[in-house]
Amino acid sequence: MKHPVDAHVGKRIRHRRWMVGMTQQQLADKVGVKFQQIQKYETGMNRVSASRLWDVADAMGVSIAFFFEGLADADAAAFEARGDMMADKEALDLVRSYYAIPEAQRRRLFDLARVLSDAA
């Protein structure tokens, strides 16, 4: 059975890998494992060791803390809801596109989205 922390870390690995446009094979090559192992990490089926998480963080340009963000303040229901959203390819594509927009324009788009969501 998957431990919720392993599932969360795996989802964060998948999220970051997708955000930087890296395939499972590319990450596996950088970390020194088979791509199937990356799949197991991302699903939470295999626990990521501390040294391997260090390698993954280095390969993707983030701190190890990145993989644990949002874990402490999330209850089980919120944890699952966020996980499902991050598994949605359309949502991830939207986030990736958003971060590709120059910062000044991105800020204005964010403000517009906030106004529209408040109006709904």
Protein backbone atom coordinates (compact mmCIF):
# COMPACT_ATOMS: atom_id res chain seq x y z
CA MET A 1 0.00 0.00 0.00
CA LYS A 2 1.24 3.48 -0.89
CA HIS A 3 2.18 5.82 1.90
CA PRO A 4 0.60 9.28 1.39
CA VAL A 5 4.00 10.98 1.68
CA ASP A 6 5.47 8.76 -1.05
CA ALA A 7 2.47 9.51 -3.27
CA HIS A 8 2.86 13.25 -2.65
CA VAL A 9 6.59 13.24 -3.39
CA GLY A 10 5.96 11.20 -6.55
CA LYS A 11 3.31 13.64 -7.75
CA ARG A 12 5.68 16.53 -7.13
CA ILE A 13 8.41 14.75 -9.11
CA ARG A 14 6.00 14.22 -12.02
CA HIS A 15 4.76 17.81 -11.77
CA ARG A 16 8.25 19.31 -11.83
CA ARG A 17 9.44 16.96 -14.59
CA TRP A 18 6.49 17.94 -16.71
CA MET A 19 6.97 21.65 -15.99
CA VAL A 20 10.56 21.59 -17.20
CA GLY A 21 9.60 19.54 -20.27
CA MET A 22 11.63 16.49 -19.31
CA THR A 23 10.64 12.93 -20.20
CA GLN A 24 10.84 10.06 -17.76
CA GLN A 25 13.70 8.67 -19.82
CA GLN A 26 15.65 11.95 -19.67
CA LEU A 27 15.23 12.14 -15.90
CA ALA A 28 16.18 8.49 -15.53
CA ASP A 29 19.34 9.06 -17.57
CA LYS A 30 20.34 12.04 -15.41
CA VAL A 31 19.67 10.15 -12.18
CA GLY A 32 21.13 6.82 -13.28
CA VAL A 33 18.07 4.58 -13.14
CA LYS A 34 15.68 3.00 -15.66
CA PHE A 35 12.65 5.02 -16.73
CA GLN A 36 10.43 2.35 -15.15
CA GLN A 37 11.89 3.32 -11.78
CA ILE A 38 10.90 6.95 -12.39
CA GLN A 39 7.37 5.70 -13.17
CA LYS A 40 7.29 3.85 -9.85
CA TYR A 41 8.52 6.92 -7.98
CA GLU A 42 5.92 9.13 -9.64
CA THR A 43 3.05 6.82 -8.74
CA GLY A 44 4.30 6.41 -5.18
CA MET A 45 4.66 2.65 -5.62
CA ASN A 46 8.36 2.88 -4.78
CA ARG A 47 9.74 5.11 -2.05
CA VAL A 48 12.48 7.52 -3.15
CA SER A 49 15.59 7.24 -0.98
CA ALA A 50 17.17 10.41 0.39
CA SER A 51 20.20 10.16 -1.90
CA ARG A 52 18.04 9.49 -4.97
CA LEU A 53 15.76 12.42 -4.10
CA TRP A 54 18.89 14.56 -3.88
CA ASP A 55 19.84 13.45 -7.41
CA VAL A 56 16.31 14.06 -8.72
CA ALA A 57 16.22 17.55 -7.19
CA ASP A 58 19.61 18.37 -8.68
CA ALA A 59 18.59 17.08 -12.12
CA MET A 60 15.46 19.25 -12.10
CA GLY A 61 16.94 22.36 -10.52
CA VAL A 62 14.93 22.48 -7.29
CA SER A 63 15.63 22.02 -3.61
CA ILE A 64 14.58 18.82 -1.89
CA ALA A 65 12.01 20.85 0.04
CA PHE A 66 10.12 21.38 -3.24
CA PHE A 67 8.93 17.77 -3.14
CA PHE A 68 7.36 18.21 0.30
CA GLU A 69 5.67 21.57 -0.28
CA GLY A 70 1.99 21.51 0.55
CA LEU A 71 2.19 18.26 2.46
CA ALA A 72 2.07 19.49 6.07
CA ASP A 73 -1.02 21.68 5.69
CA ALA A 74 -3.05 19.31 3.51
CA ASP A 75 -5.64 17.02 5.04
CA ALA A 76 -6.39 13.73 3.28
CA ALA A 77 -9.32 15.03 1.20
CA ALA A 78 -7.49 18.15 0.00
CA PHE A 79 -4.42 16.04 -0.69
CA GLU A 80 -6.37 13.73 -3.00
CA ALA A 81 -8.17 16.59 -4.77
CA ARG A 82 -4.91 18.36 -5.58
CA GLY A 83 -3.35 15.11 -6.70
CA ASP A 84 -6.15 14.47 -9.16
CA MET A 85 -5.82 17.97 -10.61
CA MET A 86 -2.08 17.59 -11.10
CA ALA A 87 -2.69 14.28 -12.89
CA ASP A 88 -4.86 16.12 -15.45
CA LYS A 89 -2.74 16.69 -18.54
CA GLU A 90 -4.79 19.73 -19.57
CA ALA A 91 -4.22 21.39 -16.18
CA LEU A 92 -0.50 20.71 -16.37
CA ASP A 93 -0.36 22.03 -19.93
CA LEU A 94 -2.13 25.20 -18.79
CA VAL A 95 0.33 25.70 -15.94
CA ARG A 96 3.31 25.07 -18.21
CA SER A 97 1.98 27.58 -20.76
CA TYR A 98 1.30 30.10 -17.99
CA TYR A 99 4.91 30.01 -16.81
CA ALA A 100 6.14 30.41 -20.39
CA ILE A 101 4.49 33.88 -20.53
CA PRO A 102 6.75 36.83 -19.64
CA GLU A 103 6.34 37.84 -15.99
CA ALA A 104 4.59 41.20 -16.51
CA GLN A 105 2.00 39.69 -18.84
CA ARG A 106 1.67 36.64 -16.60
CA ARG A 107 0.82 38.87 -13.63
CA ARG A 108 -1.93 40.60 -15.63
CA LEU A 109 -3.32 37.25 -16.76
CA PHE A 110 -3.31 36.05 -13.15
CA ASP A 111 -5.21 39.17 -12.04
CA LEU A 112 -7.76 38.61 -14.82
CA ALA A 113 -8.24 34.96 -13.81
CA ARG A 114 -8.75 35.98 -10.19
CA VAL A 115 -11.41 38.55 -11.17
CA LEU A 116 -13.18 36.02 -13.39
CA SER A 117 -13.15 33.33 -10.69
CA ASP A 118 -14.54 35.79 -8.13
CA ALA A 119 -17.35 36.69 -10.52
CA ALA A 120 -18.34 33.04 -11.05
